[in-house]
Amino acid sequence: MACTISADEIKRVKGLGFLNNKGTDLFNGRVITVNGKITAEQMKVIAEAAEKYGSGEVTFTTRLTVEVKGIHFDNIEPFREFVGKAGLTTGGTGAKVRPIVSCKGTTCQYGLYDTFSLSEKIHERFYIGYRSVALPHKFKIAAGGCPNNCVKPDLNDLGIVGQLIPNFDAESCKGCKKCQIEKNCPMGAPKVVDGVMVRDEEICNHCGRCVGKCPFGAIKDGTPGFKVYVGGRWGKKVAQGRPLSKIFTSEEEVLDVVEKAILLFREQGVAGERFADTIARIGFEEAEKQLLSNDLLERKEQIING
């Protein structure tokens, strides 16, 4: 069946989250989740909608949205109305903040913070809150619970990585020949030198696996925090994000730096370029300087409305 829908209409419904199956009048509809989370009742509604308006097939995207396949152009609005009754929306396309993704956080043995809690806040404040704010290009955010980087935070426009900075008590260290901290470090950062353990900060990734491993209490606990990467990108042109020099110690600080990054991109990005390109053009040091100050937040309304 040849496509009878105009290019303008295909572009319009793409903005609503419906992607055209080339050469046909059929579309895949993207249903937004909160970091992959929906209720059992919503899942039933999606299944019913797939059978009623689509092909009966459901797929999942890398951004944790749900795609219902085979929706005819004439059924797009009925589909949106049907899933809307369950509190579901469609979208996830365009030059805007995209749905956030995260790992499973503290349901993983290595998770250092509740990634679901933080991702829900980011979803509300930036995916929903900035829905009407046009950006130079799409802006992807990922939250990883630890330095294992399972959701590749450093390959997103902005990535958050959980940290646990070990608090080392040198007086408790016995300089053991078989140091349990050294044994348990996957990075090889600690070494016993001249009878005391020393940790190479250039190697340590603050995974926290050394905490509580010393039988003499040399590292009883750690300081929780967040490392933020900016300027990552996956695709035809790969760019690895660079971490800001500051380790953030509260969710509010992290939320603020996410907002500052979006505002910087909105104000200083050029149409069609990714955030990685914006940072490369203005320089990482200049970008970091702006992201660690409050100037962008103070000019928020001017930037959004400008």
C-alpha atoms as a PDB file:
ATOM      1  CA  MET A   1       0.000   0.000   0.000  1.00  0.00           C
ATOM      2  CA  ALA A   2       1.569   3.278  -1.127  1.00  0.00           C
ATOM      3  CA  CYS A   3       1.781   6.202   1.278  1.00  0.00           C
ATOM      4  CA  THR A   4      -0.941   8.819   0.760  1.00  0.00           C
ATOM      5  CA  ILE A   5       0.049  11.084   3.671  1.00  0.00           C
ATOM      6  CA  SER A   6       1.739  14.402   2.895  1.00  0.00           C
ATOM      7  CA  ALA A   7       5.267  15.141   4.067  1.00  0.00           C
ATOM      8  CA  ASP A   8       3.936  17.977   6.256  1.00  0.00           C
ATOM      9  CA  GLU A   9       1.502  15.641   8.009  1.00  0.00           C
ATOM     10  CA  ILE A  10       4.222  13.008   8.515  1.00  0.00           C
ATOM     11  CA  LYS A  11       6.404  15.689  10.108  1.00  0.00           C
ATOM     12  CA  ARG A  12       3.517  16.939  12.281  1.00  0.00           C
ATOM     13  CA  VAL A  13       2.641  13.549  13.759  1.00  0.00           C
ATOM     14  CA  LYS A  14       6.325  12.738  14.250  1.00  0.00           C
ATOM     15  CA  GLY A  15       6.292  15.631  16.691  1.00  0.00           C
ATOM     16  CA  LEU A  16       3.527  13.762  18.532  1.00  0.00           C
ATOM     17  CA  GLY A  17       5.660  10.624  18.726  1.00  0.00           C
ATOM     18  CA  PHE A  18       4.448   8.740  15.632  1.00  0.00           C
ATOM     19  CA  LEU A  19       7.117   7.540  13.208  1.00  0.00           C
ATOM     20  CA  ASN A  20       6.146   6.655   9.673  1.00  0.00           C
ATOM     21  CA  ASN A  21       6.832   3.212   8.259  1.00  0.00           C
ATOM     22  CA  LYS A  22       8.280   4.444   4.983  1.00  0.00           C
ATOM     23  CA  GLY A  23       6.104   3.999   1.942  1.00  0.00           C
ATOM     24  CA  THR A  24       2.931   3.242   3.933  1.00  0.00           C
ATOM     25  CA  ASP A  25       0.184   5.036   5.867  1.00  0.00           C
ATOM     26  CA  LEU A  26       1.239   3.148   9.008  1.00  0.00           C
ATOM     27  CA  PHE A  27       3.100   4.551  11.996  1.00  0.00           C
ATOM     28  CA  ASN A  28       4.810   3.375  15.170  1.00  0.00           C
ATOM     29  CA  GLY A  29       3.471   5.281  18.177  1.00  0.00           C
ATOM     30  CA  ARG A  30       5.847   6.040  21.042  1.00  0.00           C
ATOM     31  CA  VAL A  31       4.265   5.896  24.493  1.00  0.00           C
ATOM     32  CA  ILE A  32       6.268   7.719  27.156  1.00  0.00           C
ATOM     33  CA  THR A  33       7.264   5.969  30.374  1.00  0.00           C
ATOM     34  CA  VAL A  34       9.024   7.360  33.422  1.00  0.00           C
ATOM     35  CA  ASN A  35      12.407   5.702  32.966  1.00  0.00           C
ATOM     36  CA  GLY A  36      10.745   2.526  31.726  1.00  0.00           C
ATOM     37  CA  LYS A  37       8.237   2.395  34.566  1.00  0.00           C
ATOM     38  CA  ILE A  38       4.501   2.051  33.985  1.00  0.00           C
ATOM     39  CA  THR A  39       1.756   0.479  36.067  1.00  0.00           C
ATOM     40  CA  ALA A  40       0.273  -2.944  35.386  1.00  0.00           C
ATOM     41  CA  GLU A  41      -2.993  -1.229  34.456  1.00  0.00           C
ATOM     42  CA  GLN A  42      -1.215   1.029  31.966  1.00  0.00           C
ATOM     43  CA  MET A  43       0.473  -2.014  30.474  1.00  0.00           C
ATOM     44  CA  LYS A  44      -2.960  -3.574  29.921  1.00  0.00           C
ATOM     45  CA  VAL A  45      -4.149  -0.390  28.210  1.00  0.00           C
ATOM     46  CA  ILE A  46      -1.114  -0.375  25.893  1.00  0.00           C
ATOM     47  CA  ALA A  47      -1.797  -4.012  24.981  1.00  0.00           C
ATOM     48  CA  GLU A  48      -5.455  -3.217  24.273  1.00  0.00           C
ATOM     49  CA  ALA A  49      -4.488  -0.168  22.197  1.00  0.00           C
ATOM     50  CA  ALA A  50      -1.993  -2.244  20.191  1.00  0.00           C
ATOM     51  CA  GLU A  51      -4.722  -4.745  19.314  1.00  0.00           C
ATOM     52  CA  LYS A  52      -7.428  -2.137  18.710  1.00  0.00           C
ATOM     53  CA  TYR A  53      -5.457   0.438  16.701  1.00  0.00           C
ATOM     54  CA  GLY A  54      -2.179  -1.209  15.725  1.00  0.00           C
ATOM     55  CA  SER A  55      -0.779  -4.490  14.504  1.00  0.00           C
ATOM     56  CA  GLY A  56      -0.866  -6.077  17.959  1.00  0.00           C
ATOM     57  CA  GLU A  57       2.910  -5.824  18.273  1.00  0.00           C
ATOM     58  CA  VAL A  58       4.729  -3.810  20.943  1.00  0.00           C
ATOM     59  CA  THR A  59       8.442  -2.996  20.977  1.00  0.00           C
ATOM     60  CA  PHE A  60      10.718  -1.049  23.312  1.00  0.00           C
ATOM     61  CA  THR A  61      13.173   1.711  22.447  1.00  0.00           C
ATOM     62  CA  THR A  62      16.641   2.349  23.814  1.00  0.00           C
ATOM     63  CA  ARG A  63      15.169   5.377  25.648  1.00  0.00           C
ATOM     64  CA  LEU A  64      12.751   3.067  27.499  1.00  0.00           C
ATOM     65  CA  THR A  65       9.659   4.233  25.654  1.00  0.00           C
ATOM     66  CA  VAL A  66       7.057   1.752  24.403  1.00  0.00           C
ATOM     67  CA  GLU A  67       6.384   1.610  20.655  1.00  0.00           C
ATOM     68  CA  VAL A  68       3.106   0.284  19.311  1.00  0.00           C
ATOM     69  CA  LYS A  69       3.513  -0.805  15.706  1.00  0.00           C
ATOM     70  CA  GLY A  70       1.242  -0.548  12.707  1.00  0.00           C
ATOM     71  CA  ILE A  71      -1.048   2.351  13.655  1.00  0.00           C
ATOM     72  CA  HIS A  72      -2.874   3.749  10.629  1.00  0.00           C
ATOM     73  CA  PHE A  73      -2.707   7.522  10.199  1.00  0.00           C
ATOM     74  CA  ASP A  74      -6.473   7.784  10.770  1.00  0.00           C
ATOM     75  CA  ASN A  75      -6.098   5.997  14.117  1.00  0.00           C
ATOM     76  CA  ILE A  76      -3.417   8.255  15.596  1.00  0.00           C
ATOM     77  CA  GLU A  77      -5.795  10.556  17.460  1.00  0.00           C
ATOM     78  CA  PRO A  78      -8.091   7.714  18.646  1.00  0.00           C
ATOM     79  CA  PHE A  79      -4.954   5.894  19.868  1.00  0.00           C
ATOM     80  CA  ARG A  80      -3.731   8.955  21.782  1.00  0.00           C
ATOM     81  CA  GLU A  81      -7.151   9.421  23.367  1.00  0.00           C
ATOM     82  CA  PHE A  82      -7.364   5.737  24.323  1.00  0.00           C
ATOM     83  CA  VAL A  83      -3.977   5.600  26.101  1.00  0.00           C
ATOM     84  CA  GLY A  84      -4.521   9.081  27.524  1.00  0.00           C
ATOM     85  CA  LYS A  85      -7.337   7.763  29.705  1.00  0.00           C
ATOM     86  CA  ALA A  86      -4.698   5.732  31.559  1.00  0.00           C
ATOM     87  CA  GLY A  87      -2.520   8.803  32.050  1.00  0.00           C
ATOM     88  CA  LEU A  88      -0.186   7.904  29.193  1.00  0.00           C
ATOM     89  CA  THR A  89       1.171  10.322  26.616  1.00  0.00           C
ATOM     90  CA  THR A  90       3.006   9.956  23.320  1.00  0.00           C
ATOM     91  CA  GLY A  91       6.117  11.839  22.232  1.00  0.00           C
ATOM     92  CA  GLY A  92       9.864  11.438  22.695  1.00  0.00           C
ATOM     93  CA  THR A  93      10.916  12.998  19.386  1.00  0.00           C
ATOM     94  CA  GLY A  94      12.232  16.328  18.162  1.00  0.00           C
ATOM     95  CA  ALA A  95      14.835  18.881  19.212  1.00  0.00           C
ATOM     96  CA  LYS A  96      13.871  18.776  22.866  1.00  0.00           C
ATOM     97  CA  VAL A  97      14.775  17.120  26.146  1.00  0.00           C
ATOM     98  CA  ARG A  98      14.237  13.412  25.534  1.00  0.00           C
ATOM     99  CA  PRO A  99      12.937  10.819  28.027  1.00  0.00           C
ATOM    100  CA  ILE A 100      15.543  10.020  30.660  1.00  0.00           C
ATOM    101  CA  VAL A 101      17.013   6.552  31.101  1.00  0.00           C
ATOM    102  CA  SER A 102      18.696   5.044  34.123  1.00  0.00           C
ATOM    103  CA  CYS A 103      19.912   1.755  35.501  1.00  0.00           C
ATOM    104  CA  LYS A 104      18.161  -0.039  38.366  1.00  0.00           C
ATOM    105  CA  GLY A 105      20.074   1.854  41.040  1.00  0.00           C
ATOM    106  CA  THR A 106      19.875   0.337  44.492  1.00  0.00           C
ATOM    107  CA  THR A 107      18.213  -2.853  43.258  1.00  0.00           C
ATOM    108  CA  CYS A 108      21.726  -3.638  42.000  1.00  0.00           C
ATOM    109  CA  GLN A 109      24.423  -4.680  44.479  1.00  0.00           C
ATOM    110  CA  TYR A 110      26.676  -1.913  43.173  1.00  0.00           C
ATOM    111  CA  GLY A 111      24.088   0.891  43.060  1.00  0.00           C
ATOM    112  CA  LEU A 112      25.070   3.929  45.123  1.00  0.00           C
ATOM    113  CA  TYR A 113      21.843   5.953  44.944  1.00  0.00           C
ATOM    114  CA  ASP A 114      18.169   5.610  44.034  1.00  0.00           C
ATOM    115  CA  THR A 115      18.297   6.224  40.292  1.00  0.00           C
ATOM    116  CA  PHE A 116      14.532   5.797  39.922  1.00  0.00           C
ATOM    117  CA  SER A 117      13.851   8.576  42.413  1.00  0.00           C
ATOM    118  CA  LEU A 118      16.260  10.980  40.717  1.00  0.00           C
ATOM    119  CA  SER A 119      15.103  10.052  37.210  1.00  0.00           C
ATOM    120  CA  GLU A 120      11.480  10.725  38.178  1.00  0.00           C
ATOM    121  CA  LYS A 121      12.464  14.209  39.345  1.00  0.00           C
ATOM    122  CA  ILE A 122      14.384  14.835  36.124  1.00  0.00           C
ATOM    123  CA  HIS A 123      11.429  13.557  34.087  1.00  0.00           C
ATOM    124  CA  GLU A 124       9.001  15.930  35.803  1.00  0.00           C
ATOM    125  CA  ARG A 125      11.273  18.968  35.870  1.00  0.00           C
ATOM    126  CA  PHE A 126      12.859  18.704  32.439  1.00  0.00           C
ATOM    127  CA  TYR A 127      11.069  16.282  30.109  1.00  0.00           C
ATOM    128  CA  ILE A 128       7.656  17.607  31.126  1.00  0.00           C
ATOM    129  CA  GLY A 129       8.694  21.026  32.428  1.00  0.00           C
ATOM    130  CA  TYR A 130      10.717  21.878  29.311  1.00  0.00           C
ATOM    131  CA  ARG A 131       8.346  20.245  26.821  1.00  0.00           C
ATOM    132  CA  SER A 132       7.631  23.529  25.059  1.00  0.00           C
ATOM    133  CA  VAL A 133      11.273  24.665  24.982  1.00  0.00           C
ATOM    134  CA  ALA A 134      12.893  24.172  21.569  1.00  0.00           C
ATOM    135  CA  LEU A 135      16.600  23.297  21.576  1.00  0.00           C
ATOM    136  CA  PRO A 136      19.206  23.245  18.789  1.00  0.00           C
ATOM    137  CA  HIS A 137      18.965  19.435  18.762  1.00  0.00           C
ATOM    138  CA  LYS A 138      17.768  16.573  20.946  1.00  0.00           C
ATOM    139  CA  PHE A 139      19.127  16.449  24.490  1.00  0.00           C
ATOM    140  CA  LYS A 140      19.566  13.053  26.143  1.00  0.00           C
ATOM    141  CA  ILE A 141      20.077  12.417  29.850  1.00  0.00           C
ATOM    142  CA  ALA A 142      21.144   9.179  31.543  1.00  0.00           C
ATOM    143  CA  ALA A 143      21.578   8.375  35.228  1.00  0.00           C
ATOM    144  CA  GLY A 144      23.902   5.573  36.292  1.00  0.00           C
ATOM    145  CA  GLY A 145      23.940   4.258  39.836  1.00  0.00           C
ATOM    146  CA  CYS A 146      27.670   3.581  39.939  1.00  0.00           C
ATOM    147  CA  PRO A 147      30.841   3.822  37.821  1.00  0.00           C
ATOM    148  CA  ASN A 148      29.983   0.551  36.040  1.00  0.00           C
ATOM    149  CA  ASN A 149      28.231   2.873  33.533  1.00  0.00           C
ATOM    150  CA  CYS A 150      25.682   0.274  32.422  1.00  0.00           C
ATOM    151  CA  VAL A 151      23.452   2.913  30.784  1.00  0.00           C
ATOM    152  CA  LYS A 152      26.472   4.733  29.304  1.00  0.00           C
ATOM    153  CA  PRO A 153      25.995   8.107  31.047  1.00  0.00           C
ATOM    154  CA  ASP A 154      29.195   9.448  29.471  1.00  0.00           C
ATOM    155  CA  LEU A 155      27.744   8.840  25.987  1.00  0.00           C
ATOM    156  CA  ASN A 156      24.697  11.023  26.616  1.00  0.00           C
ATOM    157  CA  ASP A 157      24.452  14.791  26.275  1.00  0.00           C
ATOM    158  CA  LEU A 158      24.460  14.797  30.069  1.00  0.00           C
ATOM    159  CA  GLY A 159      25.202  11.821  32.277  1.00  0.00           C
ATOM    160  CA  ILE A 160      25.059  11.312  36.028  1.00  0.00           C
ATOM    161  CA  VAL A 161      27.180   8.681  37.785  1.00  0.00           C
ATOM    162  CA  GLY A 162      26.837   7.694  41.440  1.00  0.00           C
ATOM    163  CA  GLN A 163      29.906   8.099  43.642  1.00  0.00           C
ATOM    164  CA  LEU A 164      31.008   6.917  47.074  1.00  0.00           C
ATOM    165  CA  ILE A 165      34.222   8.674  48.043  1.00  0.00           C
ATOM    166  CA  PRO A 166      36.021   6.570  50.685  1.00  0.00           C
ATOM    167  CA  ASN A 167      36.837   8.234  53.989  1.00  0.00           C
ATOM    168  CA  PHE A 168      40.285   6.891  54.866  1.00  0.00           C
ATOM    169  CA  ASP A 169      41.523   6.906  58.467  1.00  0.00           C
ATOM    170  CA  ALA A 170      45.298   6.586  58.210  1.00  0.00           C
ATOM    171  CA  GLU A 171      45.677   6.053  61.961  1.00  0.00           C
ATOM    172  CA  SER A 172      43.643   2.844  61.742  1.00  0.00           C
ATOM    173  CA  CYS A 173      45.706   1.455  58.887  1.00  0.00           C
ATOM    174  CA  LYS A 174      48.105  -1.317  59.946  1.00  0.00           C
ATOM    175  CA  GLY A 175      49.932  -1.517  56.622  1.00  0.00           C
ATOM    176  CA  CYS A 176      49.003  -5.175  56.177  1.00  0.00           C
ATOM    177  CA  LYS A 177      51.032  -7.138  53.662  1.00  0.00           C
ATOM    178  CA  LYS A 178      47.742  -8.520  52.321  1.00  0.00           C
ATOM    179  CA  CYS A 179      45.670  -5.325  52.331  1.00  0.00           C
ATOM    180  CA  GLN A 180      41.956  -6.100  52.029  1.00  0.00           C
ATOM    181  CA  ILE A 181      41.258  -2.663  50.574  1.00  0.00           C
ATOM    182  CA  GLU A 182      43.825  -3.282  47.849  1.00  0.00           C
ATOM    183  CA  LYS A 183      42.409  -6.769  47.278  1.00  0.00           C
ATOM    184  CA  ASN A 184      38.830  -5.542  46.837  1.00  0.00           C
ATOM    185  CA  CYS A 185      39.545  -2.586  44.570  1.00  0.00           C
ATOM    186  CA  PRO A 186      38.668  -3.444  40.936  1.00  0.00           C
ATOM    187  CA  MET A 187      40.680  -0.463  39.682  1.00  0.00           C
ATOM    188  CA  GLY A 188      43.981  -1.121  41.446  1.00  0.00           C
ATOM    189  CA  ALA A 189      43.952   2.344  43.020  1.00  0.00           C
ATOM    190  CA  PRO A 190      45.184   1.536  46.581  1.00  0.00           C
ATOM    191  CA  LYS A 191      48.672   0.316  47.410  1.00  0.00           C
ATOM    192  CA  VAL A 192      50.504  -0.158  50.703  1.00  0.00           C
ATOM    193  CA  VAL A 193      53.541   2.113  50.634  1.00  0.00           C
ATOM    194  CA  ASP A 194      55.968   2.418  53.556  1.00  0.00           C
ATOM    195  CA  GLY A 195      53.552   0.718  55.928  1.00  0.00           C
ATOM    196  CA  VAL A 196      50.392   2.666  55.072  1.00  0.00           C
ATOM    197  CA  MET A 197      47.741   2.398  52.402  1.00  0.00           C
ATOM    198  CA  VAL A 198      47.694   5.169  49.782  1.00  0.00           C
ATOM    199  CA  ARG A 199      45.055   5.625  47.104  1.00  0.00           C
ATOM    200  CA  ASP A 200      45.775   6.958  43.617  1.00  0.00           C
ATOM    201  CA  GLU A 201      43.030   9.533  43.019  1.00  0.00           C
ATOM    202  CA  GLU A 202      43.729   9.479  39.293  1.00  0.00           C
ATOM    203  CA  ILE A 203      42.768   5.798  39.199  1.00  0.00           C
ATOM    204  CA  CYS A 204      40.063   5.636  41.900  1.00  0.00           C
ATOM    205  CA  ASN A 205      36.585   5.899  40.370  1.00  0.00           C
ATOM    206  CA  HIS A 206      34.760   6.171  43.719  1.00  0.00           C
ATOM    207  CA  CYS A 207      32.835   2.929  43.271  1.00  0.00           C
ATOM    208  CA  GLY A 208      32.769   2.394  47.039  1.00  0.00           C
ATOM    209  CA  ARG A 209      33.680  -1.281  46.962  1.00  0.00           C
ATOM    210  CA  CYS A 210      36.511  -0.703  49.432  1.00  0.00           C
ATOM    211  CA  VAL A 211      34.178   0.649  52.122  1.00  0.00           C
ATOM    212  CA  GLY A 212      33.977  -1.687  55.118  1.00  0.00           C
ATOM    213  CA  LYS A 213      36.559  -4.127  53.756  1.00  0.00           C
ATOM    214  CA  CYS A 214      39.401  -3.248  56.143  1.00  0.00           C
ATOM    215  CA  PRO A 215      39.206  -5.401  59.315  1.00  0.00           C
ATOM    216  CA  PHE A 216      40.759  -2.542  61.283  1.00  0.00           C
ATOM    217  CA  GLY A 217      38.251   0.087  60.138  1.00  0.00           C
ATOM    218  CA  ALA A 218      40.583   2.150  57.952  1.00  0.00           C
ATOM    219  CA  ILE A 219      37.647   2.850  55.602  1.00  0.00           C
ATOM    220  CA  LYS A 220      34.435   2.534  57.581  1.00  0.00           C
ATOM    221  CA  ASP A 221      32.314   4.697  55.346  1.00  0.00           C
ATOM    222  CA  GLY A 222      32.299   7.051  52.384  1.00  0.00           C
ATOM    223  CA  THR A 223      30.832  10.334  51.222  1.00  0.00           C
ATOM    224  CA  PRO A 224      28.043   9.815  48.666  1.00  0.00           C
ATOM    225  CA  GLY A 225      27.952  12.046  45.622  1.00  0.00           C
ATOM    226  CA  PHE A 226      27.377  12.417  41.897  1.00  0.00           C
ATOM    227  CA  LYS A 227      29.771  12.893  38.998  1.00  0.00           C
ATOM    228  CA  VAL A 228      28.261  14.744  36.030  1.00  0.00           C
ATOM    229  CA  TYR A 229      29.468  14.220  32.460  1.00  0.00           C
ATOM    230  CA  VAL A 230      28.621  16.645  29.661  1.00  0.00           C
ATOM    231  CA  GLY A 231      28.943  16.459  25.896  1.00  0.00           C
ATOM    232  CA  GLY A 232      28.625  12.754  25.283  1.00  0.00           C
ATOM    233  CA  ARG A 233      27.069  11.389  22.107  1.00  0.00           C
ATOM    234  CA  TRP A 234      26.428   8.025  20.501  1.00  0.00           C
ATOM    235  CA  GLY A 235      25.755   7.503  16.813  1.00  0.00           C
ATOM    236  CA  LYS A 236      27.582   8.240  13.572  1.00  0.00           C
ATOM    237  CA  LYS A 237      29.935  10.572  15.417  1.00  0.00           C
ATOM    238  CA  VAL A 238      30.802   9.279  18.854  1.00  0.00           C
ATOM    239  CA  ALA A 239      31.916  11.704  21.573  1.00  0.00           C
ATOM    240  CA  GLN A 240      32.758  10.697  25.128  1.00  0.00           C
ATOM    241  CA  GLY A 241      31.480  13.181  27.678  1.00  0.00           C
ATOM    242  CA  ARG A 242      33.867  14.880  30.046  1.00  0.00           C
ATOM    243  CA  PRO A 243      33.237  15.041  33.788  1.00  0.00           C
ATOM    244  CA  LEU A 244      32.848  18.346  35.562  1.00  0.00           C
ATOM    245  CA  SER A 245      35.582  18.835  38.150  1.00  0.00           C
ATOM    246  CA  LYS A 246      33.155  19.085  41.054  1.00  0.00           C
ATOM    247  CA  ILE A 247      31.615  16.056  42.748  1.00  0.00           C
ATOM    248  CA  PHE A 248      28.069  17.088  43.631  1.00  0.00           C
ATOM    249  CA  THR A 249      26.788  15.976  47.007  1.00  0.00           C
ATOM    250  CA  SER A 250      23.046  16.612  46.759  1.00  0.00           C
ATOM    251  CA  GLU A 251      20.261  15.858  44.288  1.00  0.00           C
ATOM    252  CA  GLU A 252      19.322  19.533  44.189  1.00  0.00           C
ATOM    253  CA  GLU A 253      22.819  20.441  43.014  1.00  0.00           C
ATOM    254  CA  VAL A 254      22.556  17.805  40.286  1.00  0.00           C
ATOM    255  CA  LEU A 255      19.113  19.003  39.183  1.00  0.00           C
ATOM    256  CA  ASP A 256      20.421  22.555  38.994  1.00  0.00           C
ATOM    257  CA  VAL A 257      23.407  21.597  36.839  1.00  0.00           C
ATOM    258  CA  VAL A 258      21.110  19.621  34.514  1.00  0.00           C
ATOM    259  CA  GLU A 259      18.996  22.746  34.105  1.00  0.00           C
ATOM    260  CA  LYS A 260      22.044  24.925  33.528  1.00  0.00           C
ATOM    261  CA  ALA A 261      23.252  22.546  30.810  1.00  0.00           C
ATOM    262  CA  ILE A 262      19.894  22.726  29.033  1.00  0.00           C
ATOM    263  CA  LEU A 263      19.872  26.517  29.316  1.00  0.00           C
ATOM    264  CA  LEU A 264      23.439  26.756  28.005  1.00  0.00           C
ATOM    265  CA  PHE A 265      22.484  24.590  25.023  1.00  0.00           C
ATOM    266  CA  ARG A 266      19.350  26.627  24.398  1.00  0.00           C
ATOM    267  CA  GLU A 267      21.210  29.944  24.499  1.00  0.00           C
ATOM    268  CA  GLN A 268      24.572  29.139  22.919  1.00  0.00           C
ATOM    269  CA  GLY A 269      23.920  26.111  20.730  1.00  0.00           C
ATOM    270  CA  VAL A 270      23.562  26.449  16.978  1.00  0.00           C
ATOM    271  CA  ALA A 271      20.569  24.877  15.234  1.00  0.00           C
ATOM    272  CA  GLY A 272      21.392  21.347  14.135  1.00  0.00           C
ATOM    273  CA  GLU A 273      24.404  20.791  16.403  1.00  0.00           C
ATOM    274  CA  ARG A 274      24.512  18.431  19.371  1.00  0.00           C
ATOM    275  CA  PHE A 275      25.577  19.550  22.841  1.00  0.00           C
ATOM    276  CA  ALA A 276      28.977  17.910  22.254  1.00  0.00           C
ATOM    277  CA  ASP A 277      29.520  20.260  19.314  1.00  0.00           C
ATOM    278  CA  THR A 278      28.440  23.290  21.348  1.00  0.00           C
ATOM    279  CA  ILE A 279      30.941  22.434  24.087  1.00  0.00           C
ATOM    280  CA  ALA A 280      33.705  21.795  21.548  1.00  0.00           C
ATOM    281  CA  ARG A 281      33.009  25.149  19.909  1.00  0.00           C
ATOM    282  CA  ILE A 282      32.938  27.290  23.076  1.00  0.00           C
ATOM    283  CA  GLY A 283      35.540  25.170  24.885  1.00  0.00           C
ATOM    284  CA  PHE A 284      35.070  22.748  27.771  1.00  0.00           C
ATOM    285  CA  GLU A 285      36.654  25.120  30.285  1.00  0.00           C
ATOM    286  CA  GLU A 286      34.217  27.900  29.368  1.00  0.00           C
ATOM    287  CA  ALA A 287      31.263  25.497  29.476  1.00  0.00           C
ATOM    288  CA  GLU A 288      32.331  24.181  32.886  1.00  0.00           C
ATOM    289  CA  LYS A 289      32.755  27.703  34.207  1.00  0.00           C
ATOM    290  CA  GLN A 290      29.174  28.541  33.243  1.00  0.00           C
ATOM    291  CA  LEU A 291      27.778  25.252  34.555  1.00  0.00           C
ATOM    292  CA  LEU A 292      29.413  25.740  37.957  1.00  0.00           C
ATOM    293  CA  SER A 293      28.144  29.312  38.344  1.00  0.00           C
ATOM    294  CA  ASN A 294      24.542  30.451  38.779  1.00  0.00           C
ATOM    295  CA  ASP A 295      24.446  32.982  35.947  1.00  0.00           C
ATOM    296  CA  LEU A 296      22.447  30.745  33.614  1.00  0.00           C
ATOM    297  CA  LEU A 297      19.791  30.083  36.243  1.00  0.00           C
ATOM    298  CA  GLU A 298      19.562  33.769  37.045  1.00  0.00           C
ATOM    299  CA  ARG A 299      18.854  34.447  33.355  1.00  0.00           C
ATOM    300  CA  LYS A 300      16.513  31.478  32.943  1.00  0.00           C
ATOM    301  CA  GLU A 301      13.406  33.371  31.837  1.00  0.00           C
ATOM    302  CA  GLN A 302      15.398  35.520  29.427  1.00  0.00           C
ATOM    303  CA  ILE A 303      17.031  32.447  27.872  1.00  0.00           C
ATOM    304  CA  ILE A 304      13.804  30.469  27.539  1.00  0.00           C
ATOM    305  CA  ASN A 305      11.800  33.376  26.154  1.00  0.00           C
ATOM    306  CA  GLY A 306      14.575  34.915  24.096  1.00  0.00           C
END
